[in-house]
Amino acid sequence: MLPFKLIYHDGYDLNLGAHVFPSQKFRLIHDRLLADGIATPDDFLAPEPATDEDVLRVHSPDYVHKLKTGSLSHAELQQLEIPYSEKLVEACWLAAGGSILAGRRALADGWAVNIGGGFHHACPDHGEGFCVIHDVAIAIRRLQFEGAIERAMVVDTDVHQGNGTAEIFCADESVYTLSIHQENNYPFFRPRSTVDIDLPDGIGDADYLAILEKHLRQAFLDFDPQLLFYVAGADPYREDQLGGLALTMEGLARRDALVFDYARRNGAPAASALAGGYARHLADTVSIHVGTILAARDAANYRAKLETKER
């Protein structure tokens, strides 16, 4: 049994078939965790969909209406880059509910992972880059609304800059946003995060980890979050089809451990969403995402051991 909860729903799988966005990975991660004995059925919680009120704290009424009624324009549908359907909308509302639940469970238990979500390209008035609505922003706004938190930090290690995150929170000093990403990659228009780390093509493990640690150290000196949302993309992997960095499986595991270690040392509950991943072999993407959950488990267990010694 894991020392925290995993948030998952079968509805996360959009059944896109051979599409470059492998939405079946959510189901495969769930199944791998059970098959390998990493998690038991009791470790999983199923979310309720976010309410429209939750979504409207981040997205414009016009955009939400178009999504709910299937009235997006041809250009708006093209910008999404995934086929529109009622099932798509249901899945995205579920993912947002999953990130809300992950945030709540992290506040209660110290850690939580939404096996899904991390749709960081969604902007207030449109979706893009496989991202329909911004589940992490919706979760932060809901938790702020209900008084559970005042301040949050988003650490985004997806290979693509979190432009939606940056646009949503750019004028909000209560949310600190850090994005470490490949400079020469999507998206092409980039609102500024609190901190943007633009990486050159082909960077490997050692340089990546040194740069990330430097900026994590400074971020926690500059800001004291009551909740960390970790957007843990699998696509900095060297075999990713939509990325151009060169991290290994081991490097990605060390990346995850580094983020969770800074959360632990600074007393910040950590909720994770798994974001992108497009490896040539889907099994690699699944392994990377499972590795993020293992890193969270190890950090949680280490913290528990320290607390036991202090007693």
C-alpha atoms as a PDB file:
ATOM      1  CA  MET A   1       0.000   0.000   0.000  1.00  0.00           C
ATOM      2  CA  LEU A   2       1.204   3.484  -0.864  1.00  0.00           C
ATOM      3  CA  PRO A   3       1.485   6.218   1.791  1.00  0.00           C
ATOM      4  CA  PHE A   4      -0.784   8.513  -0.259  1.00  0.00           C
ATOM      5  CA  LYS A   5      -3.680   8.319  -2.696  1.00  0.00           C
ATOM      6  CA  LEU A   6      -3.662   7.967  -6.470  1.00  0.00           C
ATOM      7  CA  ILE A   7      -6.491   9.665  -8.332  1.00  0.00           C
ATOM      8  CA  TYR A   8      -7.780   7.766 -11.347  1.00  0.00           C
ATOM      9  CA  HIS A   9     -10.907   7.195 -13.430  1.00  0.00           C
ATOM     10  CA  ASP A  10     -11.417   4.879 -16.402  1.00  0.00           C
ATOM     11  CA  GLY A  11     -12.938   7.889 -18.170  1.00  0.00           C
ATOM     12  CA  TYR A  12      -9.465   9.460 -18.461  1.00  0.00           C
ATOM     13  CA  ASP A  13      -8.859   7.307 -21.547  1.00  0.00           C
ATOM     14  CA  LEU A  14     -10.169   9.241 -24.560  1.00  0.00           C
ATOM     15  CA  ASN A  15      -9.886   6.181 -26.845  1.00  0.00           C
ATOM     16  CA  LEU A  16      -8.064   8.164 -29.517  1.00  0.00           C
ATOM     17  CA  GLY A  17      -6.553   5.083 -31.123  1.00  0.00           C
ATOM     18  CA  ALA A  18      -3.331   5.740 -33.037  1.00  0.00           C
ATOM     19  CA  HIS A  19      -3.282   9.474 -32.222  1.00  0.00           C
ATOM     20  CA  VAL A  20       0.135  10.865 -31.165  1.00  0.00           C
ATOM     21  CA  PHE A  21      -1.395  11.740 -27.781  1.00  0.00           C
ATOM     22  CA  PRO A  22      -1.588   8.290 -26.155  1.00  0.00           C
ATOM     23  CA  SER A  23      -4.565   8.748 -23.840  1.00  0.00           C
ATOM     24  CA  GLN A  24      -4.596   5.007 -23.191  1.00  0.00           C
ATOM     25  CA  LYS A  25      -1.474   5.590 -21.096  1.00  0.00           C
ATOM     26  CA  PHE A  26      -3.624   6.561 -18.109  1.00  0.00           C
ATOM     27  CA  ARG A  27      -5.250   3.121 -18.049  1.00  0.00           C
ATOM     28  CA  LEU A  28      -1.905   1.415 -18.690  1.00  0.00           C
ATOM     29  CA  ILE A  29      -0.270   3.271 -15.778  1.00  0.00           C
ATOM     30  CA  HIS A  30      -3.111   2.195 -13.498  1.00  0.00           C
ATOM     31  CA  ASP A  31      -2.788  -1.413 -14.660  1.00  0.00           C
ATOM     32  CA  ARG A  32       1.020  -1.439 -14.352  1.00  0.00           C
ATOM     33  CA  LEU A  33       0.889  -0.150 -10.783  1.00  0.00           C
ATOM     34  CA  LEU A  34      -1.449  -2.993  -9.826  1.00  0.00           C
ATOM     35  CA  ALA A  35       0.371  -5.687 -11.819  1.00  0.00           C
ATOM     36  CA  ASP A  36       3.764  -4.778 -10.329  1.00  0.00           C
ATOM     37  CA  GLY A  37       2.430  -4.651  -6.782  1.00  0.00           C
ATOM     38  CA  ILE A  38       3.297  -0.969  -6.389  1.00  0.00           C
ATOM     39  CA  ALA A  39      -0.304  -0.116  -5.538  1.00  0.00           C
ATOM     40  CA  THR A  40      -3.404  -1.956  -4.378  1.00  0.00           C
ATOM     41  CA  PRO A  41      -6.998  -1.150  -5.343  1.00  0.00           C
ATOM     42  CA  ASP A  42      -7.368   0.642  -1.998  1.00  0.00           C
ATOM     43  CA  ASP A  43      -4.714   3.174  -3.050  1.00  0.00           C
ATOM     44  CA  PHE A  44      -6.967   4.607  -5.779  1.00  0.00           C
ATOM     45  CA  LEU A  45      -9.672   7.226  -5.456  1.00  0.00           C
ATOM     46  CA  ALA A  46     -12.084   8.041  -8.274  1.00  0.00           C
ATOM     47  CA  PRO A  47     -12.797  11.741  -8.785  1.00  0.00           C
ATOM     48  CA  GLU A  48     -16.071  13.469  -9.445  1.00  0.00           C
ATOM     49  CA  PRO A  49     -16.052  15.788 -12.480  1.00  0.00           C
ATOM     50  CA  ALA A  50     -15.240  19.405 -11.782  1.00  0.00           C
ATOM     51  CA  THR A  51     -18.336  21.573 -11.675  1.00  0.00           C
ATOM     52  CA  ASP A  52     -18.905  24.191 -14.341  1.00  0.00           C
ATOM     53  CA  GLU A  53     -18.480  26.748 -11.551  1.00  0.00           C
ATOM     54  CA  ASP A  54     -14.999  25.337 -10.897  1.00  0.00           C
ATOM     55  CA  VAL A  55     -14.082  25.560 -14.578  1.00  0.00           C
ATOM     56  CA  LEU A  56     -15.415  29.119 -14.881  1.00  0.00           C
ATOM     57  CA  ARG A  57     -12.974  30.288 -12.214  1.00  0.00           C
ATOM     58  CA  VAL A  58     -10.296  29.845 -14.906  1.00  0.00           C
ATOM     59  CA  HIS A  59     -11.996  29.772 -18.318  1.00  0.00           C
ATOM     60  CA  SER A  60     -14.232  32.280 -20.053  1.00  0.00           C
ATOM     61  CA  PRO A  61     -18.017  31.687 -20.163  1.00  0.00           C
ATOM     62  CA  ASP A  62     -17.961  31.821 -23.969  1.00  0.00           C
ATOM     63  CA  TYR A  63     -15.299  29.121 -24.254  1.00  0.00           C
ATOM     64  CA  VAL A  64     -16.971  26.868 -21.688  1.00  0.00           C
ATOM     65  CA  HIS A  65     -20.308  27.263 -23.497  1.00  0.00           C
ATOM     66  CA  LYS A  66     -18.722  26.253 -26.801  1.00  0.00           C
ATOM     67  CA  LEU A  67     -17.181  23.164 -25.213  1.00  0.00           C
ATOM     68  CA  LYS A  68     -20.410  22.102 -23.571  1.00  0.00           C
ATOM     69  CA  THR A  69     -22.516  22.631 -26.690  1.00  0.00           C
ATOM     70  CA  GLY A  70     -20.076  21.417 -29.347  1.00  0.00           C
ATOM     71  CA  SER A  71     -19.995  24.816 -31.048  1.00  0.00           C
ATOM     72  CA  LEU A  72     -16.250  25.416 -31.378  1.00  0.00           C
ATOM     73  CA  SER A  73     -15.223  26.881 -34.720  1.00  0.00           C
ATOM     74  CA  HIS A  74     -13.136  24.915 -37.206  1.00  0.00           C
ATOM     75  CA  ALA A  75     -10.075  26.981 -36.258  1.00  0.00           C
ATOM     76  CA  GLU A  76     -10.661  26.334 -32.549  1.00  0.00           C
ATOM     77  CA  LEU A  77     -10.982  22.609 -33.184  1.00  0.00           C
ATOM     78  CA  GLN A  78      -7.739  22.612 -35.167  1.00  0.00           C
ATOM     79  CA  GLN A  79      -5.988  24.398 -32.314  1.00  0.00           C
ATOM     80  CA  LEU A  80      -6.995  21.635 -29.895  1.00  0.00           C
ATOM     81  CA  GLU A  81      -5.221  19.031 -32.100  1.00  0.00           C
ATOM     82  CA  ILE A  82      -7.424  16.225 -30.779  1.00  0.00           C
ATOM     83  CA  PRO A  83     -10.874  15.169 -32.024  1.00  0.00           C
ATOM     84  CA  TYR A  84     -13.769  16.868 -30.274  1.00  0.00           C
ATOM     85  CA  SER A  85     -16.498  14.728 -28.711  1.00  0.00           C
ATOM     86  CA  GLU A  86     -18.781  14.698 -25.692  1.00  0.00           C
ATOM     87  CA  LYS A  87     -16.489  12.006 -24.240  1.00  0.00           C
ATOM     88  CA  LEU A  88     -13.567  14.395 -24.580  1.00  0.00           C
ATOM     89  CA  VAL A  89     -15.384  17.063 -22.559  1.00  0.00           C
ATOM     90  CA  GLU A  90     -16.402  14.500 -19.940  1.00  0.00           C
ATOM     91  CA  ALA A  91     -12.818  13.277 -19.632  1.00  0.00           C
ATOM     92  CA  CYS A  92     -11.438  16.787 -19.243  1.00  0.00           C
ATOM     93  CA  TRP A  93     -13.967  17.696 -16.547  1.00  0.00           C
ATOM     94  CA  LEU A  94     -13.012  14.431 -14.807  1.00  0.00           C
ATOM     95  CA  ALA A  95      -9.295  15.277 -15.025  1.00  0.00           C
ATOM     96  CA  ALA A  96      -9.975  18.687 -13.482  1.00  0.00           C
ATOM     97  CA  GLY A  97     -11.950  17.036 -10.701  1.00  0.00           C
ATOM     98  CA  GLY A  98      -9.016  14.670 -10.301  1.00  0.00           C
ATOM     99  CA  SER A  99      -6.562  17.507  -9.791  1.00  0.00           C
ATOM    100  CA  ILE A 100      -8.901  19.173  -7.282  1.00  0.00           C
ATOM    101  CA  LEU A 101      -9.058  15.891  -5.371  1.00  0.00           C
ATOM    102  CA  ALA A 102      -5.277  15.429  -5.643  1.00  0.00           C
ATOM    103  CA  GLY A 103      -4.766  18.893  -4.165  1.00  0.00           C
ATOM    104  CA  ARG A 104      -7.097  18.137  -1.269  1.00  0.00           C
ATOM    105  CA  ARG A 105      -5.464  14.786  -0.583  1.00  0.00           C
ATOM    106  CA  ALA A 106      -1.986  16.313  -0.723  1.00  0.00           C
ATOM    107  CA  LEU A 107      -3.045  18.876   1.879  1.00  0.00           C
ATOM    108  CA  ALA A 108      -4.377  16.053   4.057  1.00  0.00           C
ATOM    109  CA  ASP A 109      -1.635  13.455   3.519  1.00  0.00           C
ATOM    110  CA  GLY A 110       1.377  15.408   2.249  1.00  0.00           C
ATOM    111  CA  TRP A 111       1.356  13.808  -1.214  1.00  0.00           C
ATOM    112  CA  ALA A 112      -1.025  12.764  -3.987  1.00  0.00           C
ATOM    113  CA  VAL A 113      -0.851  11.966  -7.697  1.00  0.00           C
ATOM    114  CA  ASN A 114      -3.505  12.494 -10.338  1.00  0.00           C
ATOM    115  CA  ILE A 115      -2.919   9.827 -13.003  1.00  0.00           C
ATOM    116  CA  GLY A 116      -4.014  12.260 -15.668  1.00  0.00           C
ATOM    117  CA  GLY A 117      -4.203  16.013 -15.969  1.00  0.00           C
ATOM    118  CA  GLY A 118      -1.329  18.428 -16.339  1.00  0.00           C
ATOM    119  CA  PHE A 119      -3.040  20.072 -19.335  1.00  0.00           C
ATOM    120  CA  HIS A 120      -0.856  23.155 -19.154  1.00  0.00           C
ATOM    121  CA  HIS A 121      -1.449  24.620 -22.630  1.00  0.00           C
ATOM    122  CA  ALA A 122      -5.134  25.373 -22.021  1.00  0.00           C
ATOM    123  CA  CYS A 123      -5.701  29.142 -21.838  1.00  0.00           C
ATOM    124  CA  PRO A 124      -8.656  31.089 -20.406  1.00  0.00           C
ATOM    125  CA  ASP A 125     -10.419  31.498 -23.760  1.00  0.00           C
ATOM    126  CA  HIS A 126      -9.196  28.527 -25.791  1.00  0.00           C
ATOM    127  CA  GLY A 127      -7.572  25.107 -25.727  1.00  0.00           C
ATOM    128  CA  GLU A 128      -4.489  24.060 -27.653  1.00  0.00           C
ATOM    129  CA  GLY A 129      -1.788  21.417 -27.880  1.00  0.00           C
ATOM    130  CA  PHE A 130      -3.988  18.491 -26.706  1.00  0.00           C
ATOM    131  CA  CYS A 131      -5.130  20.573 -23.693  1.00  0.00           C
ATOM    132  CA  VAL A 132      -8.820  21.491 -23.421  1.00  0.00           C
ATOM    133  CA  ILE A 133      -9.137  22.944 -19.906  1.00  0.00           C
ATOM    134  CA  HIS A 134      -6.402  23.677 -17.358  1.00  0.00           C
ATOM    135  CA  ASP A 135      -7.013  21.176 -14.576  1.00  0.00           C
ATOM    136  CA  VAL A 136      -4.159  22.358 -12.342  1.00  0.00           C
ATOM    137  CA  ALA A 137      -5.263  25.998 -12.468  1.00  0.00           C
ATOM    138  CA  ILE A 138      -8.854  24.936 -11.808  1.00  0.00           C
ATOM    139  CA  ALA A 139      -7.685  22.977  -8.769  1.00  0.00           C
ATOM    140  CA  ILE A 140      -5.663  25.886  -7.399  1.00  0.00           C
ATOM    141  CA  ARG A 141      -8.543  28.327  -7.866  1.00  0.00           C
ATOM    142  CA  ARG A 142     -11.005  25.928  -6.200  1.00  0.00           C
ATOM    143  CA  LEU A 143      -8.694  25.394  -3.213  1.00  0.00           C
ATOM    144  CA  GLN A 144      -8.145  29.136  -2.887  1.00  0.00           C
ATOM    145  CA  PHE A 145     -11.890  29.779  -3.157  1.00  0.00           C
ATOM    146  CA  GLU A 146     -12.707  27.390  -0.345  1.00  0.00           C
ATOM    147  CA  GLY A 147      -9.917  28.781   1.854  1.00  0.00           C
ATOM    148  CA  ALA A 148      -7.801  25.627   1.896  1.00  0.00           C
ATOM    149  CA  ILE A 149      -4.771  27.564   0.604  1.00  0.00           C
ATOM    150  CA  GLU A 150      -3.745  31.101  -0.221  1.00  0.00           C
ATOM    151  CA  ARG A 151      -0.449  30.440  -2.024  1.00  0.00           C
ATOM    152  CA  ALA A 152       0.563  27.749  -4.518  1.00  0.00           C
ATOM    153  CA  MET A 153       3.604  26.933  -6.640  1.00  0.00           C
ATOM    154  CA  VAL A 154       3.505  25.152 -10.006  1.00  0.00           C
ATOM    155  CA  VAL A 155       6.713  23.386 -11.049  1.00  0.00           C
ATOM    156  CA  ASP A 156       6.398  22.228 -14.659  1.00  0.00           C
ATOM    157  CA  THR A 157       9.032  19.893 -16.130  1.00  0.00           C
ATOM    158  CA  ASP A 158       7.193  19.015 -19.339  1.00  0.00           C
ATOM    159  CA  VAL A 159       9.432  19.535 -22.387  1.00  0.00           C
ATOM    160  CA  HIS A 160       7.020  22.245 -23.606  1.00  0.00           C
ATOM    161  CA  GLN A 161       6.563  25.570 -21.825  1.00  0.00           C
ATOM    162  CA  GLY A 162       3.382  25.841 -19.774  1.00  0.00           C
ATOM    163  CA  ASN A 163       1.950  28.785 -21.690  1.00  0.00           C
ATOM    164  CA  GLY A 164      -1.560  28.333 -20.322  1.00  0.00           C
ATOM    165  CA  THR A 165      -0.245  28.280 -16.756  1.00  0.00           C
ATOM    166  CA  ALA A 166       1.748  31.437 -17.424  1.00  0.00           C
ATOM    167  CA  GLU A 167      -1.187  33.286 -18.982  1.00  0.00           C
ATOM    168  CA  ILE A 168      -3.640  32.343 -16.236  1.00  0.00           C
ATOM    169  CA  PHE A 169      -1.387  33.341 -13.336  1.00  0.00           C
ATOM    170  CA  CYS A 170       0.788  36.083 -14.855  1.00  0.00           C
ATOM    171  CA  ALA A 171      -0.774  38.890 -12.783  1.00  0.00           C
ATOM    172  CA  ASP A 172      -1.296  36.831  -9.625  1.00  0.00           C
ATOM    173  CA  GLU A 173       1.376  37.027  -6.937  1.00  0.00           C
ATOM    174  CA  SER A 174      -0.313  34.243  -4.960  1.00  0.00           C
ATOM    175  CA  VAL A 175       0.831  31.631  -7.511  1.00  0.00           C
ATOM    176  CA  TYR A 176       4.500  31.111  -8.401  1.00  0.00           C
ATOM    177  CA  THR A 177       5.049  29.375 -11.749  1.00  0.00           C
ATOM    178  CA  LEU A 178       8.302  27.712 -12.797  1.00  0.00           C
ATOM    179  CA  SER A 179       8.613  26.058 -16.209  1.00  0.00           C
ATOM    180  CA  ILE A 180      11.753  24.232 -17.372  1.00  0.00           C
ATOM    181  CA  HIS A 181      11.472  23.328 -21.051  1.00  0.00           C
ATOM    182  CA  GLN A 182      13.169  23.081 -24.426  1.00  0.00           C
ATOM    183  CA  GLU A 183      13.553  26.555 -25.942  1.00  0.00           C
ATOM    184  CA  ASN A 184      13.180  25.483 -29.588  1.00  0.00           C
ATOM    185  CA  ASN A 185       9.845  23.754 -29.306  1.00  0.00           C
ATOM    186  CA  TYR A 186       6.104  24.315 -28.991  1.00  0.00           C
ATOM    187  CA  PRO A 187       4.424  26.670 -28.066  1.00  0.00           C
ATOM    188  CA  PHE A 188       5.575  29.501 -30.286  1.00  0.00           C
ATOM    189  CA  PHE A 189       3.870  32.317 -28.355  1.00  0.00           C
ATOM    190  CA  ARG A 190       4.877  32.187 -24.707  1.00  0.00           C
ATOM    191  CA  PRO A 191       3.502  34.377 -21.944  1.00  0.00           C
ATOM    192  CA  ARG A 192       6.058  34.670 -19.182  1.00  0.00           C
ATOM    193  CA  SER A 193       5.998  32.381 -16.170  1.00  0.00           C
ATOM    194  CA  THR A 194       7.387  33.652 -12.891  1.00  0.00           C
ATOM    195  CA  VAL A 195      10.515  31.776 -13.975  1.00  0.00           C
ATOM    196  CA  ASP A 196      11.061  30.318 -17.442  1.00  0.00           C
ATOM    197  CA  ILE A 197      14.116  28.103 -17.952  1.00  0.00           C
ATOM    198  CA  ASP A 198      14.791  27.818 -21.692  1.00  0.00           C
ATOM    199  CA  LEU A 199      16.998  24.817 -22.396  1.00  0.00           C
ATOM    200  CA  PRO A 200      19.104  24.174 -25.501  1.00  0.00           C
ATOM    201  CA  ASP A 201      18.415  21.190 -27.710  1.00  0.00           C
ATOM    202  CA  GLY A 202      19.945  17.899 -26.630  1.00  0.00           C
ATOM    203  CA  ILE A 203      20.718  18.742 -23.015  1.00  0.00           C
ATOM    204  CA  GLY A 204      21.425  15.647 -20.916  1.00  0.00           C
ATOM    205  CA  ASP A 205      20.951  14.495 -17.359  1.00  0.00           C
ATOM    206  CA  ALA A 206      23.802  16.194 -15.519  1.00  0.00           C
ATOM    207  CA  ASP A 207      23.324  19.683 -16.952  1.00  0.00           C
ATOM    208  CA  TYR A 208      19.533  19.488 -16.719  1.00  0.00           C
ATOM    209  CA  LEU A 209      19.562  18.443 -13.070  1.00  0.00           C
ATOM    210  CA  ALA A 210      22.093  21.099 -12.087  1.00  0.00           C
ATOM    211  CA  ILE A 211      20.020  23.834 -13.734  1.00  0.00           C
ATOM    212  CA  LEU A 212      16.770  22.564 -12.201  1.00  0.00           C
ATOM    213  CA  GLU A 213      18.235  22.355  -8.707  1.00  0.00           C
ATOM    214  CA  LYS A 214      19.614  25.891  -8.917  1.00  0.00           C
ATOM    215  CA  HIS A 215      16.212  27.282  -9.822  1.00  0.00           C
ATOM    216  CA  LEU A 216      14.290  25.152  -7.315  1.00  0.00           C
ATOM    217  CA  ARG A 217      16.563  26.404  -4.560  1.00  0.00           C
ATOM    218  CA  GLN A 218      15.900  30.009  -5.570  1.00  0.00           C
ATOM    219  CA  ALA A 219      12.167  29.442  -6.011  1.00  0.00           C
ATOM    220  CA  PHE A 220      11.768  28.237  -2.446  1.00  0.00           C
ATOM    221  CA  LEU A 221      13.876  31.138  -1.183  1.00  0.00           C
ATOM    222  CA  ASP A 222      11.618  33.576  -3.035  1.00  0.00           C
ATOM    223  CA  PHE A 223       8.259  31.971  -2.282  1.00  0.00           C
ATOM    224  CA  ASP A 224       6.646  29.921   0.499  1.00  0.00           C
ATOM    225  CA  PRO A 225       3.912  27.774  -1.074  1.00  0.00           C
ATOM    226  CA  GLN A 226       1.207  26.083   0.934  1.00  0.00           C
ATOM    227  CA  LEU A 227       0.844  23.586  -1.915  1.00  0.00           C
ATOM    228  CA  LEU A 228       3.131  22.487  -4.742  1.00  0.00           C
ATOM    229  CA  PHE A 229       1.575  21.269  -7.978  1.00  0.00           C
ATOM    230  CA  TYR A 230       4.145  19.268  -9.930  1.00  0.00           C
ATOM    231  CA  VAL A 231       3.433  18.939 -13.671  1.00  0.00           C
ATOM    232  CA  ALA A 232       5.648  15.940 -14.359  1.00  0.00           C
ATOM    233  CA  GLY A 233       5.877  15.519 -18.123  1.00  0.00           C
ATOM    234  CA  ALA A 234       7.545  12.375 -19.456  1.00  0.00           C
ATOM    235  CA  ASP A 235       8.588  14.097 -22.693  1.00  0.00           C
ATOM    236  CA  PRO A 236      12.100  15.348 -21.817  1.00  0.00           C
ATOM    237  CA  TYR A 237      13.009  11.685 -22.461  1.00  0.00           C
ATOM    238  CA  ARG A 238      15.608  11.242 -25.207  1.00  0.00           C
ATOM    239  CA  GLU A 239      13.301   8.926 -27.189  1.00  0.00           C
ATOM    240  CA  ASP A 240      10.297  11.257 -27.154  1.00  0.00           C
ATOM    241  CA  GLN A 241       8.718  12.029 -30.530  1.00  0.00           C
ATOM    242  CA  LEU A 242       7.743  15.611 -29.640  1.00  0.00           C
ATOM    243  CA  GLY A 243      10.784  16.539 -27.596  1.00  0.00           C
ATOM    244  CA  GLY A 244      14.388  17.394 -28.303  1.00  0.00           C
ATOM    245  CA  LEU A 245      16.093  16.922 -24.946  1.00  0.00           C
ATOM    246  CA  ALA A 246      18.201  13.907 -24.038  1.00  0.00           C
ATOM    247  CA  LEU A 247      17.276  12.805 -20.543  1.00  0.00           C
ATOM    248  CA  THR A 248      17.534   9.114 -19.703  1.00  0.00           C
ATOM    249  CA  MET A 249      15.101   7.109 -17.607  1.00  0.00           C
ATOM    250  CA  GLU A 250      17.517   7.450 -14.695  1.00  0.00           C
ATOM    251  CA  GLY A 251      17.781  11.200 -15.234  1.00  0.00           C
ATOM    252  CA  LEU A 252      14.003  11.580 -15.212  1.00  0.00           C
ATOM    253  CA  ALA A 253      13.775   9.575 -11.987  1.00  0.00           C
ATOM    254  CA  ARG A 254      16.393  11.874 -10.418  1.00  0.00           C
ATOM    255  CA  ARG A 255      14.433  14.888 -11.667  1.00  0.00           C
ATOM    256  CA  ASP A 256      11.305  13.667  -9.896  1.00  0.00           C
ATOM    257  CA  ALA A 257      13.224  12.883  -6.721  1.00  0.00           C
ATOM    258  CA  LEU A 258      14.741  16.377  -6.776  1.00  0.00           C
ATOM    259  CA  VAL A 259      11.371  18.127  -7.031  1.00  0.00           C
ATOM    260  CA  PHE A 260       9.864  15.995  -4.266  1.00  0.00           C
ATOM    261  CA  ASP A 261      12.921  16.490  -2.073  1.00  0.00           C
ATOM    262  CA  TYR A 262      12.575  20.271  -2.281  1.00  0.00           C
ATOM    263  CA  ALA A 263       8.881  19.975  -1.453  1.00  0.00           C
ATOM    264  CA  ARG A 264       9.679  17.777   1.546  1.00  0.00           C
ATOM    265  CA  ARG A 265      12.494  19.959   2.860  1.00  0.00           C
ATOM    266  CA  ASN A 266      10.333  23.063   2.597  1.00  0.00           C
ATOM    267  CA  GLY A 267       7.239  21.509   4.142  1.00  0.00           C
ATOM    268  CA  ALA A 268       5.121  21.903   0.995  1.00  0.00           C
ATOM    269  CA  PRO A 269       2.450  19.268   0.341  1.00  0.00           C
ATOM    270  CA  ALA A 270       2.927  17.999  -3.217  1.00  0.00           C
ATOM    271  CA  ALA A 271       0.213  17.100  -5.709  1.00  0.00           C
ATOM    272  CA  SER A 272       1.314  15.779  -9.093  1.00  0.00           C
ATOM    273  CA  ALA A 273      -0.288  15.592 -12.525  1.00  0.00           C
ATOM    274  CA  LEU A 274       1.449  13.532 -15.199  1.00  0.00           C
ATOM    275  CA  ALA A 275       1.168  15.779 -18.308  1.00  0.00           C
ATOM    276  CA  GLY A 276       2.750  14.870 -21.657  1.00  0.00           C
ATOM    277  CA  GLY A 277       4.722  11.896 -22.900  1.00  0.00           C
ATOM    278  CA  TYR A 278       5.133  10.678 -26.484  1.00  0.00           C
ATOM    279  CA  ALA A 279       7.942   8.120 -26.481  1.00  0.00           C
ATOM    280  CA  ARG A 280       8.399   6.000 -29.596  1.00  0.00           C
ATOM    281  CA  HIS A 281       7.511   3.012 -27.422  1.00  0.00           C
ATOM    282  CA  LEU A 282       4.428   3.645 -25.296  1.00  0.00           C
ATOM    283  CA  ALA A 283       5.772   1.313 -22.610  1.00  0.00           C
ATOM    284  CA  ASP A 284       8.605   3.814 -22.019  1.00  0.00           C
ATOM    285  CA  THR A 285       6.140   6.640 -21.396  1.00  0.00           C
ATOM    286  CA  VAL A 286       4.236   4.431 -18.967  1.00  0.00           C
ATOM    287  CA  SER A 287       7.477   3.501 -17.162  1.00  0.00           C
ATOM    288  CA  ILE A 288       8.462   7.161 -16.785  1.00  0.00           C
ATOM    289  CA  HIS A 289       5.096   8.084 -15.302  1.00  0.00           C
ATOM    290  CA  VAL A 290       5.222   5.093 -12.950  1.00  0.00           C
ATOM    291  CA  GLY A 291       8.681   6.308 -11.960  1.00  0.00           C
ATOM    292  CA  THR A 292       7.207   9.640 -10.867  1.00  0.00           C
ATOM    293  CA  ILE A 293       4.831   7.800  -8.551  1.00  0.00           C
ATOM    294  CA  LEU A 294       7.714   5.731  -7.174  1.00  0.00           C
ATOM    295  CA  ALA A 295       9.693   8.922  -6.513  1.00  0.00           C
ATOM    296  CA  ALA A 296       6.727  10.369  -4.606  1.00  0.00           C
ATOM    297  CA  ARG A 297       6.461   7.131  -2.611  1.00  0.00           C
ATOM    298  CA  ASP A 298      10.149   7.230  -1.712  1.00  0.00           C
ATOM    299  CA  ALA A 299       9.958  10.876  -0.651  1.00  0.00           C
ATOM    300  CA  ALA A 300       6.874  10.220   1.468  1.00  0.00           C
ATOM    301  CA  ASN A 301       8.487   7.206   3.142  1.00  0.00           C
ATOM    302  CA  TYR A 302      11.693   9.141   3.811  1.00  0.00           C
ATOM    303  CA  ARG A 303       9.734  11.944   5.416  1.00  0.00           C
ATOM    304  CA  ALA A 304       7.852   9.436   7.579  1.00  0.00           C
ATOM    305  CA  LYS A 305      11.148   7.922   8.763  1.00  0.00           C
ATOM    306  CA  LEU A 306      12.482  11.356   9.709  1.00  0.00           C
ATOM    307  CA  GLU A 307       9.322  12.157  11.638  1.00  0.00           C
ATOM    308  CA  THR A 308       9.563   8.828  13.476  1.00  0.00           C
ATOM    309  CA  LYS A 309      13.182   9.562  14.490  1.00  0.00           C
ATOM    310  CA  GLU A 310      12.234  13.031  15.717  1.00  0.00           C
ATOM    311  CA  ARG A 311       9.665  11.513  18.044  1.00  0.00           C
END
